[in-house]
Amino acid sequence: MMNATCLKFRAKTDADTAFVTIRNNDTGCYGGYGYTGDKVVVNLASDCYGDTSTLIHEMMHVLGFDHEQTRYDRDMYLEVQWENIQAGQEHNFQKYPRTKAYPRYPYDLSSVMQYFLTAFGVGGRPTMILTDSSIDENSVGNANSMSRSDILRMRSAYKCDFNGESGGIGRLDYKFEESKFAKNNFFF
């Protein structure tokens, strides 16, 4: 993430009031959403390890990115199987308005933010079905790193130039309050 964008993570200092803490004291893999002005928790239980994609996914939540399958245009690519979703997990499939997505970038089935097709499925049943049968189902939700689109969206959100440097609006450490984009359009 740091090599592909202008975002840099650094060790917390005593003066920092807004920071990310990574822990593994709960079950599950999850990350807080967006800048809150306070501590944001990322939890990585022992079953979250294996590759870096889970950490990247959760850190992208911290940076304000939603799941790909919640995009306003997802129905063009996926059909959600609501009856197969585990009770209490429906929120992972709710669509957000166009203003929460990047309409300039197309839907990305290879995004690290895209769930696999049986995610939260009852008994392993599919929770999403591809609308284009020519796409390999095994390629969806199995990203090992950020896709080109993930990188471009992040660079756009944080005003990174092509050299990976900040355009002066976003900050280089985890203190987003200077980013007008993050304040006005991205975070709650």
C-alpha atoms as a PDB file:
ATOM      1  CA  MET A   1       0.000   0.000   0.000  1.00  0.00           C
ATOM      2  CA  MET A   2       2.754   2.444   0.913  1.00  0.00           C
ATOM      3  CA  ASN A   3       4.750   1.612  -2.230  1.00  0.00           C
ATOM      4  CA  ALA A   4       1.770   2.154  -4.526  1.00  0.00           C
ATOM      5  CA  THR A   5       0.333   5.357  -3.012  1.00  0.00           C
ATOM      6  CA  CYS A   6       1.455   8.461  -1.159  1.00  0.00           C
ATOM      7  CA  LEU A   7       0.138   7.127   2.141  1.00  0.00           C
ATOM      8  CA  LYS A   8       2.730   6.264   4.723  1.00  0.00           C
ATOM      9  CA  PHE A   9       2.160   4.654   8.093  1.00  0.00           C
ATOM     10  CA  ARG A  10       4.411   5.477  11.010  1.00  0.00           C
ATOM     11  CA  ALA A  11       4.681   4.487  14.618  1.00  0.00           C
ATOM     12  CA  LYS A  12       2.302   6.245  16.998  1.00  0.00           C
ATOM     13  CA  THR A  13       3.746   8.889  19.279  1.00  0.00           C
ATOM     14  CA  ASP A  14       2.416  10.032  22.660  1.00  0.00           C
ATOM     15  CA  ALA A  15       1.150  13.213  21.000  1.00  0.00           C
ATOM     16  CA  ASP A  16      -1.110  11.355  18.544  1.00  0.00           C
ATOM     17  CA  THR A  17      -4.809  11.271  19.350  1.00  0.00           C
ATOM     18  CA  ALA A  18      -5.919   9.688  16.064  1.00  0.00           C
ATOM     19  CA  PHE A  19      -4.250   6.401  15.220  1.00  0.00           C
ATOM     20  CA  VAL A  20      -4.746   2.809  14.102  1.00  0.00           C
ATOM     21  CA  THR A  21      -4.193  -0.020  16.516  1.00  0.00           C
ATOM     22  CA  ILE A  22      -3.912  -3.568  15.217  1.00  0.00           C
ATOM     23  CA  ARG A  23      -4.835  -6.340  17.604  1.00  0.00           C
ATOM     24  CA  ASN A  24      -5.923  -9.959  17.706  1.00  0.00           C
ATOM     25  CA  ASN A  25      -7.987 -10.235  20.878  1.00  0.00           C
ATOM     26  CA  ASP A  26     -11.375 -10.880  19.224  1.00  0.00           C
ATOM     27  CA  THR A  27     -12.587 -13.407  16.722  1.00  0.00           C
ATOM     28  CA  GLY A  28     -12.881 -12.246  13.157  1.00  0.00           C
ATOM     29  CA  CYS A  29     -11.199  -9.898  10.747  1.00  0.00           C
ATOM     30  CA  TYR A  30     -12.507  -6.351  10.807  1.00  0.00           C
ATOM     31  CA  GLY A  31     -11.425  -2.753  10.716  1.00  0.00           C
ATOM     32  CA  GLY A  32     -13.006   0.490  11.798  1.00  0.00           C
ATOM     33  CA  TYR A  33     -14.320   2.681   9.022  1.00  0.00           C
ATOM     34  CA  GLY A  34     -12.693   5.980   8.136  1.00  0.00           C
ATOM     35  CA  TYR A  35     -11.238   8.856  10.077  1.00  0.00           C
ATOM     36  CA  THR A  36     -12.914   9.323  13.453  1.00  0.00           C
ATOM     37  CA  GLY A  37     -10.457  11.669  15.159  1.00  0.00           C
ATOM     38  CA  ASP A  38      -9.758   8.914  17.653  1.00  0.00           C
ATOM     39  CA  LYS A  39      -8.323   5.398  17.826  1.00  0.00           C
ATOM     40  CA  VAL A  40      -9.425   3.047  15.037  1.00  0.00           C
ATOM     41  CA  VAL A  41      -9.183  -0.681  15.729  1.00  0.00           C
ATOM     42  CA  VAL A  42      -8.224  -3.349  13.209  1.00  0.00           C
ATOM     43  CA  ASN A  43      -8.684  -6.866  14.543  1.00  0.00           C
ATOM     44  CA  LEU A  44      -6.908  -9.772  12.909  1.00  0.00           C
ATOM     45  CA  ALA A  45      -7.764 -13.054  14.620  1.00  0.00           C
ATOM     46  CA  SER A  46      -5.371 -15.933  14.044  1.00  0.00           C
ATOM     47  CA  ASP A  47      -7.503 -17.260  11.167  1.00  0.00           C
ATOM     48  CA  CYS A  48      -7.073 -13.924   9.328  1.00  0.00           C
ATOM     49  CA  TYR A  49      -3.421 -14.601   8.597  1.00  0.00           C
ATOM     50  CA  GLY A  50      -2.059 -16.349   5.528  1.00  0.00           C
ATOM     51  CA  ASP A  51      -1.382 -13.474   3.192  1.00  0.00           C
ATOM     52  CA  THR A  52      -1.371  -9.710   3.366  1.00  0.00           C
ATOM     53  CA  SER A  53      -4.665  -9.249   1.497  1.00  0.00           C
ATOM     54  CA  THR A  54      -6.772  -9.338   4.696  1.00  0.00           C
ATOM     55  CA  LEU A  55      -4.649  -6.634   6.319  1.00  0.00           C
ATOM     56  CA  ILE A  56      -4.787  -4.537   3.130  1.00  0.00           C
ATOM     57  CA  HIS A  57      -8.572  -5.016   2.968  1.00  0.00           C
ATOM     58  CA  GLU A  58      -9.047  -3.911   6.573  1.00  0.00           C
ATOM     59  CA  MET A  59      -6.659  -0.964   6.222  1.00  0.00           C
ATOM     60  CA  MET A  60      -8.594   0.162   3.151  1.00  0.00           C
ATOM     61  CA  HIS A  61     -11.705   0.265   5.376  1.00  0.00           C
ATOM     62  CA  VAL A  62      -9.742   2.421   7.822  1.00  0.00           C
ATOM     63  CA  LEU A  63      -8.888   4.699   4.900  1.00  0.00           C
ATOM     64  CA  GLY A  64     -12.581   5.020   4.014  1.00  0.00           C
ATOM     65  CA  PHE A  65     -13.124   2.414   1.299  1.00  0.00           C
ATOM     66  CA  ASP A  66     -16.239   0.235   1.156  1.00  0.00           C
ATOM     67  CA  HIS A  67     -16.695  -3.308  -0.069  1.00  0.00           C
ATOM     68  CA  GLU A  68     -16.853  -3.483  -3.845  1.00  0.00           C
ATOM     69  CA  GLN A  69     -20.145  -5.405  -3.751  1.00  0.00           C
ATOM     70  CA  THR A  70     -21.798  -2.398  -2.058  1.00  0.00           C
ATOM     71  CA  ARG A  71     -21.260  -0.173  -5.104  1.00  0.00           C
ATOM     72  CA  TYR A  72     -24.327   1.411  -6.696  1.00  0.00           C
ATOM     73  CA  ASP A  73     -23.611  -0.422  -9.997  1.00  0.00           C
ATOM     74  CA  ARG A  74     -22.946  -3.908  -8.620  1.00  0.00           C
ATOM     75  CA  ASP A  75     -26.174  -5.372 -10.053  1.00  0.00           C
ATOM     76  CA  MET A  76     -24.617  -5.102 -13.507  1.00  0.00           C
ATOM     77  CA  TYR A  77     -21.937  -7.587 -12.378  1.00  0.00           C
ATOM     78  CA  LEU A  78     -23.394  -9.562  -9.469  1.00  0.00           C
ATOM     79  CA  GLU A  79     -26.782 -10.812  -8.398  1.00  0.00           C
ATOM     80  CA  VAL A  80     -27.033 -10.960  -4.602  1.00  0.00           C
ATOM     81  CA  GLN A  81     -28.685 -14.114  -3.264  1.00  0.00           C
ATOM     82  CA  TRP A  82     -30.307 -12.580  -0.179  1.00  0.00           C
ATOM     83  CA  GLU A  83     -31.855 -15.864   0.959  1.00  0.00           C
ATOM     84  CA  ASN A  84     -28.382 -17.427   1.256  1.00  0.00           C
ATOM     85  CA  ILE A  85     -26.856 -14.724   3.488  1.00  0.00           C
ATOM     86  CA  GLN A  86     -26.291 -15.542   7.164  1.00  0.00           C
ATOM     87  CA  ALA A  87     -28.608 -13.618   9.474  1.00  0.00           C
ATOM     88  CA  GLY A  88     -27.004 -10.383  10.627  1.00  0.00           C
ATOM     89  CA  GLN A  89     -24.568 -10.173   7.691  1.00  0.00           C
ATOM     90  CA  GLU A  90     -26.895  -8.479   5.183  1.00  0.00           C
ATOM     91  CA  HIS A  91     -25.185  -5.115   5.777  1.00  0.00           C
ATOM     92  CA  ASN A  92     -22.157  -6.417   3.866  1.00  0.00           C
ATOM     93  CA  PHE A  93     -24.280  -6.448   0.696  1.00  0.00           C
ATOM     94  CA  GLN A  94     -26.300  -3.231   1.016  1.00  0.00           C
ATOM     95  CA  LYS A  95     -25.722  -0.890  -1.917  1.00  0.00           C
ATOM     96  CA  TYR A  96     -24.489   2.632  -1.318  1.00  0.00           C
ATOM     97  CA  PRO A  97     -25.406   5.606  -3.500  1.00  0.00           C
ATOM     98  CA  ARG A  98     -23.253   6.620  -6.429  1.00  0.00           C
ATOM     99  CA  THR A  99     -21.701   9.393  -4.340  1.00  0.00           C
ATOM    100  CA  LYS A 100     -19.969   6.790  -2.124  1.00  0.00           C
ATOM    101  CA  ALA A 101     -18.266   5.088  -5.080  1.00  0.00           C
ATOM    102  CA  TYR A 102     -15.872   6.187  -7.753  1.00  0.00           C
ATOM    103  CA  PRO A 103     -18.049   6.337 -10.866  1.00  0.00           C
ATOM    104  CA  ARG A 104     -14.998   7.239 -12.942  1.00  0.00           C
ATOM    105  CA  TYR A 105     -13.569   3.782 -12.195  1.00  0.00           C
ATOM    106  CA  PRO A 106     -15.514   0.712 -13.313  1.00  0.00           C
ATOM    107  CA  TYR A 107     -16.644  -2.045 -11.008  1.00  0.00           C
ATOM    108  CA  ASP A 108     -13.640  -4.207 -10.163  1.00  0.00           C
ATOM    109  CA  LEU A 109     -14.210  -7.914  -9.520  1.00  0.00           C
ATOM    110  CA  SER A 110     -10.475  -8.246  -8.812  1.00  0.00           C
ATOM    111  CA  SER A 111     -10.470  -5.563  -6.106  1.00  0.00           C
ATOM    112  CA  VAL A 112      -9.097  -6.521  -2.704  1.00  0.00           C
ATOM    113  CA  MET A 113     -12.402  -5.064  -1.431  1.00  0.00           C
ATOM    114  CA  GLN A 114     -14.519  -7.611  -3.358  1.00  0.00           C
ATOM    115  CA  TYR A 115     -15.831 -10.536  -1.303  1.00  0.00           C
ATOM    116  CA  PHE A 116     -15.647 -14.058  -2.673  1.00  0.00           C
ATOM    117  CA  LEU A 117     -18.936 -15.371  -4.054  1.00  0.00           C
ATOM    118  CA  THR A 118     -19.842 -17.522  -1.026  1.00  0.00           C
ATOM    119  CA  ALA A 119     -18.919 -14.951   1.639  1.00  0.00           C
ATOM    120  CA  PHE A 120     -21.295 -15.169   4.618  1.00  0.00           C
ATOM    121  CA  GLY A 121     -23.245 -17.881   2.830  1.00  0.00           C
ATOM    122  CA  VAL A 122     -25.423 -20.250   4.827  1.00  0.00           C
ATOM    123  CA  GLY A 123     -23.905 -23.697   4.465  1.00  0.00           C
ATOM    124  CA  GLY A 124     -21.384 -22.438   1.915  1.00  0.00           C
ATOM    125  CA  ARG A 125     -24.103 -21.461  -0.561  1.00  0.00           C
ATOM    126  CA  PRO A 126     -23.348 -18.564  -2.920  1.00  0.00           C
ATOM    127  CA  THR A 127     -24.309 -15.100  -1.727  1.00  0.00           C
ATOM    128  CA  MET A 128     -23.495 -13.577  -5.117  1.00  0.00           C
ATOM    129  CA  ILE A 129     -23.757 -14.895  -8.648  1.00  0.00           C
ATOM    130  CA  LEU A 130     -21.898 -13.359 -11.574  1.00  0.00           C
ATOM    131  CA  THR A 131     -24.122 -11.871 -14.274  1.00  0.00           C
ATOM    132  CA  ASP A 132     -21.476 -12.696 -16.900  1.00  0.00           C
ATOM    133  CA  SER A 133     -20.993 -16.459 -17.068  1.00  0.00           C
ATOM    134  CA  SER A 134     -17.753 -16.087 -19.039  1.00  0.00           C
ATOM    135  CA  ILE A 135     -15.924 -14.799 -15.924  1.00  0.00           C
ATOM    136  CA  ASP A 136     -14.080 -17.408 -13.873  1.00  0.00           C
ATOM    137  CA  GLU A 137     -15.868 -17.588 -10.502  1.00  0.00           C
ATOM    138  CA  ASN A 138     -12.623 -18.581  -8.775  1.00  0.00           C
ATOM    139  CA  SER A 139     -11.027 -15.264  -9.710  1.00  0.00           C
ATOM    140  CA  VAL A 140     -13.570 -13.217  -7.735  1.00  0.00           C
ATOM    141  CA  GLY A 141     -12.720 -12.333  -4.149  1.00  0.00           C
ATOM    142  CA  ASN A 142      -9.276 -13.911  -4.217  1.00  0.00           C
ATOM    143  CA  ALA A 143      -7.080 -10.833  -4.590  1.00  0.00           C
ATOM    144  CA  ASN A 144      -3.645 -11.167  -3.016  1.00  0.00           C
ATOM    145  CA  SER A 145      -2.964  -7.444  -3.193  1.00  0.00           C
ATOM    146  CA  MET A 146      -4.479  -4.178  -4.315  1.00  0.00           C
ATOM    147  CA  SER A 147      -5.728  -4.161  -7.891  1.00  0.00           C
ATOM    148  CA  ARG A 148      -4.782  -1.407 -10.316  1.00  0.00           C
ATOM    149  CA  SER A 149      -8.209   0.113  -9.730  1.00  0.00           C
ATOM    150  CA  ASP A 150      -7.750   0.008  -5.924  1.00  0.00           C
ATOM    151  CA  ILE A 151      -4.473   1.885  -6.320  1.00  0.00           C
ATOM    152  CA  LEU A 152      -5.933   4.472  -8.687  1.00  0.00           C
ATOM    153  CA  ARG A 153      -8.926   5.083  -6.406  1.00  0.00           C
ATOM    154  CA  MET A 154      -6.664   5.534  -3.397  1.00  0.00           C
ATOM    155  CA  ARG A 155      -4.352   7.867  -5.301  1.00  0.00           C
ATOM    156  CA  SER A 156      -7.378   9.864  -6.398  1.00  0.00           C
ATOM    157  CA  ALA A 157      -8.862  10.043  -2.888  1.00  0.00           C
ATOM    158  CA  TYR A 158      -5.604  11.194  -1.325  1.00  0.00           C
ATOM    159  CA  LYS A 159      -4.388  13.385  -4.193  1.00  0.00           C
ATOM    160  CA  CYS A 160      -1.245  11.369  -4.933  1.00  0.00           C
ATOM    161  CA  ASP A 161       0.672  12.227  -8.078  1.00  0.00           C
ATOM    162  CA  PHE A 162       2.154   9.622 -10.415  1.00  0.00           C
ATOM    163  CA  ASN A 163       5.386   9.509  -8.407  1.00  0.00           C
ATOM    164  CA  GLY A 164       3.424   8.499  -5.317  1.00  0.00           C
ATOM    165  CA  GLU A 165       3.933  11.877  -3.643  1.00  0.00           C
ATOM    166  CA  SER A 166       1.181  13.833  -1.965  1.00  0.00           C
ATOM    167  CA  GLY A 167      -0.381  16.640  -3.942  1.00  0.00           C
ATOM    168  CA  GLY A 168      -0.465  18.696  -0.762  1.00  0.00           C
ATOM    169  CA  ILE A 169      -4.042  18.027   0.309  1.00  0.00           C
ATOM    170  CA  GLY A 170      -3.719  14.665   2.052  1.00  0.00           C
ATOM    171  CA  ARG A 171      -1.169  13.996   4.766  1.00  0.00           C
ATOM    172  CA  LEU A 172       1.490  11.345   4.597  1.00  0.00           C
ATOM    173  CA  ASP A 173       0.840   9.823   7.992  1.00  0.00           C
ATOM    174  CA  TYR A 174      -2.396   8.586   9.495  1.00  0.00           C
ATOM    175  CA  LYS A 175      -3.751  12.042  10.294  1.00  0.00           C
ATOM    176  CA  PHE A 176      -6.428  12.688   7.699  1.00  0.00           C
ATOM    177  CA  GLU A 177      -7.983  15.860   9.052  1.00  0.00           C
ATOM    178  CA  GLU A 178      -6.212  18.020   6.453  1.00  0.00           C
ATOM    179  CA  SER A 179      -7.708  16.105   3.529  1.00  0.00           C
ATOM    180  CA  LYS A 180     -10.704  18.024   2.180  1.00  0.00           C
ATOM    181  CA  PHE A 181     -11.752  14.952   0.223  1.00  0.00           C
ATOM    182  CA  ALA A 182     -11.715  12.760   3.320  1.00  0.00           C
ATOM    183  CA  LYS A 183     -13.604  15.322   5.412  1.00  0.00           C
ATOM    184  CA  ASN A 184     -16.288  16.133   2.869  1.00  0.00           C
ATOM    185  CA  ASN A 185     -16.797  13.073   0.755  1.00  0.00           C
ATOM    186  CA  PHE A 186     -15.287   9.963   2.156  1.00  0.00           C
ATOM    187  CA  PHE A 187     -15.553   9.549   5.890  1.00  0.00           C
ATOM    188  CA  PHE A 188     -18.551   9.754   8.178  1.00  0.00           C
END
